C-alpha atoms as a PDB file:
ATOM      1  CA  MET A   1      83.313 178.386  41.994  1.00  0.00           C
ATOM      2  CA  ILE A   2      81.656 175.435  43.734  1.00  0.00           C
ATOM      3  CA  ASP A   3      84.633 175.227  46.098  1.00  0.00           C
ATOM      4  CA  ARG A   4      84.136 178.875  47.063  1.00  0.00           C
ATOM      5  CA  ILE A   5      80.420 178.365  47.677  1.00  0.00           C
ATOM      6  CA  ILE A   6      81.139 175.340  49.872  1.00  0.00           C
ATOM      7  CA  LYS A   7      83.592 177.462  51.864  1.00  0.00           C
ATOM      8  CA  VAL A   8      80.871 180.072  52.405  1.00  0.00           C
ATOM      9  CA  PHE A   9      78.398 177.444  53.616  1.00  0.00           C
ATOM     10  CA  THR A  10      81.020 175.998  55.973  1.00  0.00           C
ATOM     11  CA  PHE A  11      82.105 179.449  57.206  1.00  0.00           C
ATOM     12  CA  LYS A  12      85.667 179.214  55.892  1.00  0.00           C
ATOM     13  CA  THR A  13      86.233 182.957  56.073  1.00  0.00           C
ATOM     14  CA  GLU A  14      89.517 182.930  54.129  1.00  0.00           C
ATOM     15  CA  VAL A  15      87.409 182.651  50.959  1.00  0.00           C
ATOM     16  CA  TYR A  16      86.430 186.311  51.319  1.00  0.00           C
ATOM     17  CA  LYS A  17      90.062 187.450  51.197  1.00  0.00           C
ATOM     18  CA  GLU A  18      90.484 185.258  48.140  1.00  0.00           C
ATOM     19  CA  VAL A  19      87.629 186.937  46.240  1.00  0.00           C
ATOM     20  CA  GLU A  20      88.455 190.406  47.546  1.00  0.00           C
ATOM     21  CA  ASP A  21      91.797 190.172  45.749  1.00  0.00           C
ATOM     22  CA  ASP A  22      90.386 188.458  42.618  1.00  0.00           C
ATOM     23  CA  ALA A  23      89.227 191.269  40.304  1.00  0.00           C
ATOM     24  CA  SER A  24      88.088 188.703  37.740  1.00  0.00           C
ATOM     25  CA  PHE A  25      85.412 187.523  40.214  1.00  0.00           C
ATOM     26  CA  SER A  26      83.405 190.775  39.985  1.00  0.00           C
ATOM     27  CA  GLN A  27      81.265 189.676  37.049  1.00  0.00           C
ATOM     28  CA  MET A  28      80.711 186.243  38.580  1.00  0.00           C
ATOM     29  CA  ALA A  29      79.626 187.889  41.841  1.00  0.00           C
ATOM     30  CA  TRP A  30      76.907 189.804  39.979  1.00  0.00           C
ATOM     31  CA  VAL A  31      75.785 186.647  38.168  1.00  0.00           C
ATOM     32  CA  LEU A  32      75.716 184.791  41.474  1.00  0.00           C
ATOM     33  CA  VAL A  33      73.651 187.513  43.158  1.00  0.00           C
ATOM     34  CA  ALA A  34      71.161 187.621  40.257  1.00  0.00           C
ATOM     35  CA  ALA A  35      70.790 183.816  40.083  1.00  0.00           C
ATOM     36  CA  VAL A  36      70.407 183.406  43.838  1.00  0.00           C
ATOM     37  CA  ALA A  37      67.977 186.336  43.983  1.00  0.00           C
ATOM     38  CA  LEU A  38      65.842 184.754  41.251  1.00  0.00           C
ATOM     39  CA  LEU A  39      65.754 181.361  42.968  1.00  0.00           C
ATOM     40  CA  SER A  40      65.005 182.978  46.313  1.00  0.00           C
ATOM     41  CA  GLN A  41      62.222 185.069  44.788  1.00  0.00           C
ATOM     42  CA  LEU A  42      60.720 182.012  43.107  1.00  0.00           C
ATOM     43  CA  GLY A  43      60.527 180.419  46.531  1.00  0.00           C
ATOM     44  CA  SER A  44      59.269 183.552  48.250  1.00  0.00           C
ATOM     45  CA  THR A  45      56.479 184.171  45.746  1.00  0.00           C
ATOM     46  CA  ALA A  46      55.471 180.507  45.284  1.00  0.00           C
ATOM     47  CA  SER A  47      52.447 180.989  47.529  1.00  0.00           C
ATOM     48  CA  LEU A  48      50.898 183.087  44.746  1.00  0.00           C
ATOM     49  CA  VAL A  49      50.201 179.840  42.913  1.00  0.00           C
ATOM     50  CA  HIS A  50      47.626 178.924  45.582  1.00  0.00           C
ATOM     51  CA  VAL A  51      46.322 182.456  46.095  1.00  0.00           C
ATOM     52  CA  SER A  52      45.560 183.475  42.522  1.00  0.00           C
ATOM     53  CA  GLY A  53      46.971 180.761  40.289  1.00  0.00           C
ATOM     54  CA  ARG A  54      48.983 183.320  38.356  1.00  0.00           C
ATOM     55  CA  GLY A  55      51.461 186.120  38.771  1.00  0.00           C
ATOM     56  CA  TRP A  56      54.100 183.913  40.327  1.00  0.00           C
ATOM     57  CA  ILE A  57      56.795 184.268  37.662  1.00  0.00           C
ATOM     58  CA  PRO A  58      56.297 188.016  37.006  1.00  0.00           C
ATOM     59  CA  SER A  59      56.351 188.674  40.755  1.00  0.00           C
ATOM     60  CA  ALA A  60      59.555 186.670  41.096  1.00  0.00           C
ATOM     61  CA  LEU A  61      61.181 188.565  38.225  1.00  0.00           C
ATOM     62  CA  ILE A  62      60.224 191.951  39.671  1.00  0.00           C
ATOM     63  CA  GLY A  63      61.404 190.803  43.102  1.00  0.00           C
ATOM     64  CA  THR A  64      64.715 189.737  41.570  1.00  0.00           C
ATOM     65  CA  VAL A  65      65.297 193.158  40.054  1.00  0.00           C
ATOM     66  CA  ILE A  66      64.473 194.771  43.402  1.00  0.00           C
ATOM     67  CA  ALA A  67      66.758 192.346  45.274  1.00  0.00           C
ATOM     68  CA  VAL A  68      69.707 193.007  42.937  1.00  0.00           C
ATOM     69  CA  ALA A  69      69.155 196.777  43.137  1.00  0.00           C
ATOM     70  CA  SER A  70      68.950 196.552  46.924  1.00  0.00           C
ATOM     71  CA  PHE A  71      72.153 194.481  47.004  1.00  0.00           C
ATOM     72  CA  ALA A  72      73.979 197.062  44.856  1.00  0.00           C
ATOM     73  CA  PHE A  73      72.759 199.914  47.034  1.00  0.00           C
ATOM     74  CA  SER A  74      73.787 198.061  50.206  1.00  0.00           C
ATOM     75  CA  CYS A  75      77.282 197.448  48.790  1.00  0.00           C
ATOM     76  CA  PHE A  76      77.575 201.115  47.897  1.00  0.00           C
ATOM     77  CA  ILE A  77      76.423 202.286  51.334  1.00  0.00           C
ATOM     78  CA  ILE A  78      78.634 199.811  53.220  1.00  0.00           C
ATOM     79  CA  SER A  79      81.738 200.783  51.245  1.00  0.00           C
ATOM     80  CA  TRP A  80      80.872 204.488  51.521  1.00  0.00           C
ATOM     81  CA  ALA A  81      80.184 204.288  55.280  1.00  0.00           C
ATOM     82  CA  GLY A  82      83.366 202.287  55.849  1.00  0.00           C
ATOM     83  CA  LYS A  83      85.432 204.914  54.045  1.00  0.00           C
ATOM     84  CA  GLN A  84      83.574 207.930  55.433  1.00  0.00           C
ATOM     85  CA  PHE A  85      83.348 206.963  59.094  1.00  0.00           C
ATOM     86  CA  PHE A  86      86.274 204.591  59.607  1.00  0.00           C
ATOM     87  CA  LYS A  87      88.729 205.425  56.789  1.00  0.00           C
ATOM     88  CA  ALA A  88      88.492 201.894  55.388  1.00  0.00           C
ATOM     89  CA  ASP A  89      90.483 201.177  52.261  1.00  0.00           C
ATOM     90  CA  VAL A  90      87.771 199.470  50.209  1.00  0.00           C
ATOM     91  CA  THR A  91      86.286 199.764  46.735  1.00  0.00           C
ATOM     92  CA  PHE A  92      82.732 199.129  45.607  1.00  0.00           C
ATOM     93  CA  ASP A  93      83.945 196.175  43.517  1.00  0.00           C
ATOM     94  CA  GLU A  94      85.690 194.579  46.513  1.00  0.00           C
ATOM     95  CA  MET A  95      82.468 194.897  48.466  1.00  0.00           C
ATOM     96  CA  VAL A  96      80.459 193.383  45.593  1.00  0.00           C
ATOM     97  CA  ARG A  97      82.850 190.433  45.366  1.00  0.00           C
ATOM     98  CA  THR A  98      82.870 189.610  49.061  1.00  0.00           C
ATOM     99  CA  LEU A  99      79.210 190.311  49.833  1.00  0.00           C
ATOM    100  CA  GLY A 100      78.149 188.761  46.521  1.00  0.00           C
ATOM    101  CA  LEU A 101      79.742 185.498  47.526  1.00  0.00           C
ATOM    102  CA  ALA A 102      78.163 185.676  50.990  1.00  0.00           C
ATOM    103  CA  TYR A 103      74.810 186.293  49.253  1.00  0.00           C
ATOM    104  CA  VAL A 104      74.635 182.574  48.364  1.00  0.00           C
ATOM    105  CA  TRP A 105      72.964 181.986  51.734  1.00  0.00           C
ATOM    106  CA  ASN A 106      69.834 183.570  50.253  1.00  0.00           C
ATOM    107  CA  ILE A 107      69.376 180.390  48.204  1.00  0.00           C
ATOM    108  CA  VAL A 108      67.601 179.021  51.281  1.00  0.00           C
ATOM    109  CA  GLY A 109      64.650 181.207  50.261  1.00  0.00           C
ATOM    110  CA  PHE A 110      64.042 178.759  47.413  1.00  0.00           C
ATOM    111  CA  LEU A 111      62.637 176.331  49.980  1.00  0.00           C
ATOM    112  CA  GLY A 112      59.477 178.438  49.841  1.00  0.00           C
ATOM    113  CA  ILE A 113      58.695 176.642  46.599  1.00  0.00           C
ATOM    114  CA  ILE A 114      57.682 173.676  48.735  1.00  0.00           C
ATOM    115  CA  GLY A 115      54.764 175.866  49.846  1.00  0.00           C
ATOM    116  CA  ALA A 116      53.496 175.770  46.257  1.00  0.00           C
ATOM    117  CA  VAL A 117      53.266 171.986  46.506  1.00  0.00           C
ATOM    118  CA  SER A 118      51.560 171.980  49.888  1.00  0.00           C
ATOM    119  CA  PRO A 119      50.972 175.129  51.964  1.00  0.00           C
ATOM    120  CA  GLY A 120      51.081 172.977  55.103  1.00  0.00           C
ATOM    121  CA  LEU A 121      54.750 172.234  54.505  1.00  0.00           C
ATOM    122  CA  SER A 122      55.564 175.927  54.931  1.00  0.00           C
ATOM    123  CA  CYS A 123      55.652 175.383  58.680  1.00  0.00           C
ATOM    124  CA  VAL A 124      58.590 173.053  58.078  1.00  0.00           C
ATOM    125  CA  THR A 125      60.462 175.300  55.653  1.00  0.00           C
ATOM    126  CA  ALA A 126      59.890 178.601  57.483  1.00  0.00           C
ATOM    127  CA  PRO A 127      62.348 177.858  60.329  1.00  0.00           C
ATOM    128  CA  LEU A 128      64.941 176.733  57.776  1.00  0.00           C
ATOM    129  CA  ARG A 129      64.466 179.934  55.799  1.00  0.00           C
ATOM    130  CA  ILE A 130      64.831 182.035  58.951  1.00  0.00           C
ATOM    131  CA  ALA A 131      67.983 180.155  59.961  1.00  0.00           C
ATOM    132  CA  GLY A 132      69.367 180.668  56.440  1.00  0.00           C
ATOM    133  CA  SER A 133      68.661 184.396  56.657  1.00  0.00           C
ATOM    134  CA  VAL A 134      70.488 184.656  59.976  1.00  0.00           C
ATOM    135  CA  ALA A 135      73.425 182.640  58.608  1.00  0.00           C
ATOM    136  CA  GLY A 136      73.478 184.910  55.560  1.00  0.00           C
ATOM    137  CA  LEU A 137      73.660 188.010  57.725  1.00  0.00           C
ATOM    138  CA  VAL A 138      76.515 186.463  59.729  1.00  0.00           C
ATOM    139  CA  ALA A 139      78.276 185.649  56.431  1.00  0.00           C
ATOM    140  CA  TRP A 140      77.860 189.297  55.408  1.00  0.00           C
ATOM    141  CA  PHE A 141      79.620 190.373  58.613  1.00  0.00           C
ATOM    142  CA  PHE A 142      82.570 188.083  57.866  1.00  0.00           C
ATOM    143  CA  ALA A 143      82.683 189.160  54.204  1.00  0.00           C
ATOM    144  CA  ALA A 144      82.491 192.854  55.037  1.00  0.00           C
ATOM    145  CA  LYS A 145      85.144 192.517  57.747  1.00  0.00           C
ATOM    146  CA  GLU A 146      87.525 191.098  55.159  1.00  0.00           C
ATOM    147  CA  ALA A 147      86.804 193.810  52.602  1.00  0.00           C
ATOM    148  CA  LEU A 148      86.768 196.721  55.049  1.00  0.00           C
ATOM    149  CA  ASP A 149      89.733 195.572  57.181  1.00  0.00           C
ATOM    150  CA  LEU A 150      88.096 197.073  60.273  1.00  0.00           C
ATOM    151  CA  GLU A 151      87.649 195.844  63.817  1.00  0.00           C
ATOM    152  CA  TRP A 152      84.436 193.981  64.653  1.00  0.00           C
ATOM    153  CA  PRO A 153      82.468 196.891  66.201  1.00  0.00           C
ATOM    154  CA  GLU A 154      83.139 199.120  63.199  1.00  0.00           C
ATOM    155  CA  THR A 155      82.393 196.290  60.766  1.00  0.00           C
ATOM    156  CA  ILE A 156      79.099 195.428  62.456  1.00  0.00           C
ATOM    157  CA  GLY A 157      78.041 199.083  62.553  1.00  0.00           C
ATOM    158  CA  THR A 158      78.910 199.577  58.900  1.00  0.00           C
ATOM    159  CA  VAL A 159      77.057 196.434  57.778  1.00  0.00           C
ATOM    160  CA  VAL A 160      73.994 197.344  59.834  1.00  0.00           C
ATOM    161  CA  ILE A 161      73.950 200.785  58.189  1.00  0.00           C
ATOM    162  CA  GLY A 162      74.149 199.171  54.738  1.00  0.00           C
ATOM    163  CA  TRP A 163      71.637 196.471  55.584  1.00  0.00           C
ATOM    164  CA  VAL A 164      69.090 199.011  56.838  1.00  0.00           C
ATOM    165  CA  ALA A 165      69.665 201.176  53.750  1.00  0.00           C
ATOM    166  CA  GLY A 166      69.081 198.150  51.502  1.00  0.00           C
ATOM    167  CA  LEU A 167      65.948 197.257  53.461  1.00  0.00           C
ATOM    168  CA  ILE A 168      64.616 200.794  53.025  1.00  0.00           C
ATOM    169  CA  ILE A 169      65.278 200.658  49.271  1.00  0.00           C
ATOM    170  CA  SER A 170      63.480 197.300  49.057  1.00  0.00           C
ATOM    171  CA  MET A 171      60.524 198.732  50.955  1.00  0.00           C
ATOM    172  CA  ILE A 172      60.375 201.782  48.689  1.00  0.00           C
ATOM    173  CA  PHE A 173      60.464 199.593  45.582  1.00  0.00           C
ATOM    174  CA  GLY A 174      57.865 197.329  47.177  1.00  0.00           C
ATOM    175  CA  VAL A 175      55.533 200.226  47.940  1.00  0.00           C
ATOM    176  CA  LEU A 176      55.976 201.526  44.398  1.00  0.00           C
ATOM    177  CA  GLY A 177      55.311 198.036  43.050  1.00  0.00           C
ATOM    178  CA  LEU A 178      52.195 197.606  45.166  1.00  0.00           C
ATOM    179  CA  GLY A 179      51.028 201.057  44.142  1.00  0.00           C
ATOM    180  CA  GLY A 180      51.596 200.160  40.497  1.00  0.00           C
ATOM    181  CA  ALA A 181      49.634 196.922  40.907  1.00  0.00           C
ATOM    182  CA  ALA A 182      46.746 198.741  42.561  1.00  0.00           C
ATOM    183  CA  ILE A 183      46.618 201.335  39.786  1.00  0.00           C
ATOM    184  CA  GLY A 184      46.840 198.595  37.156  1.00  0.00           C
ATOM    185  CA  GLY A 185      44.006 196.714  38.865  1.00  0.00           C
ATOM    186  CA  LEU A 186      41.917 199.865  38.979  1.00  0.00           C
ATOM    187  CA  PHE A 187      42.344 200.522  35.260  1.00  0.00           C
ATOM    188  CA  SER A 188      41.675 196.889  34.319  1.00  0.00           C
ATOM    189  CA  SER A 189      38.399 196.961  36.290  1.00  0.00           C
ATOM    190  CA  LEU A 190      37.267 200.050  34.352  1.00  0.00           C
ATOM    191  CA  ARG A 191      37.320 198.220  31.021  1.00  0.00           C
END
C-alpha cells in the first residue's frame, strides 16, 4: 500500500493500471478515501479552534461524510459520462480504485491544522495546500485516463464533468449543513 501511495506522489502512472485490475483494492480505496478525507477535514476546519473554541471535531466529521459522498458521486458521474459520451469500458469500482488512490493528494489539506497552532502560519501552508489540490486534480486526470482508456481530450472533459458534479453536491450538502446549523442556533437561542 505504501509503495502505491509513493508512486502516486511521484506521478508513476502505471500504479493506476495496477489498481484498476486489482478488484481486491476496492475496499482499501474506500478506506483510503475516508481516512484522507478525515485528515483533510481536520486540517480544513482547524481554524474553528480559534474562532469558537469548539465544533472542530463535529465539523470535520460532517465534512468527511460530505467529502466521501462527493467522491462517490464524482466516480459515478465520471464512469457514467465516460460510458455515455465516449463508449468507455469502465465500471464504477474501477473508477473508485483509480480515483481513490489518486485521492491521497488531499492529505495536503491536513496542513491546515498548523493554523490551529498559529493562525499566522496559514500564510505558509495555504500555498502548499493549493499546490496539493492542483497536483491532486492532475493525479485524477492520470487515474481516470487509465480507467476510462480514452484519449486526453475525452478524459479531461469527462473528469471535469465529474469534478463539477462533485463540487455541486458538496455545495448542496454545505448549504443544507449551514441551514441546519442556523436552524439549530435559532432553536437553542429560544430556550
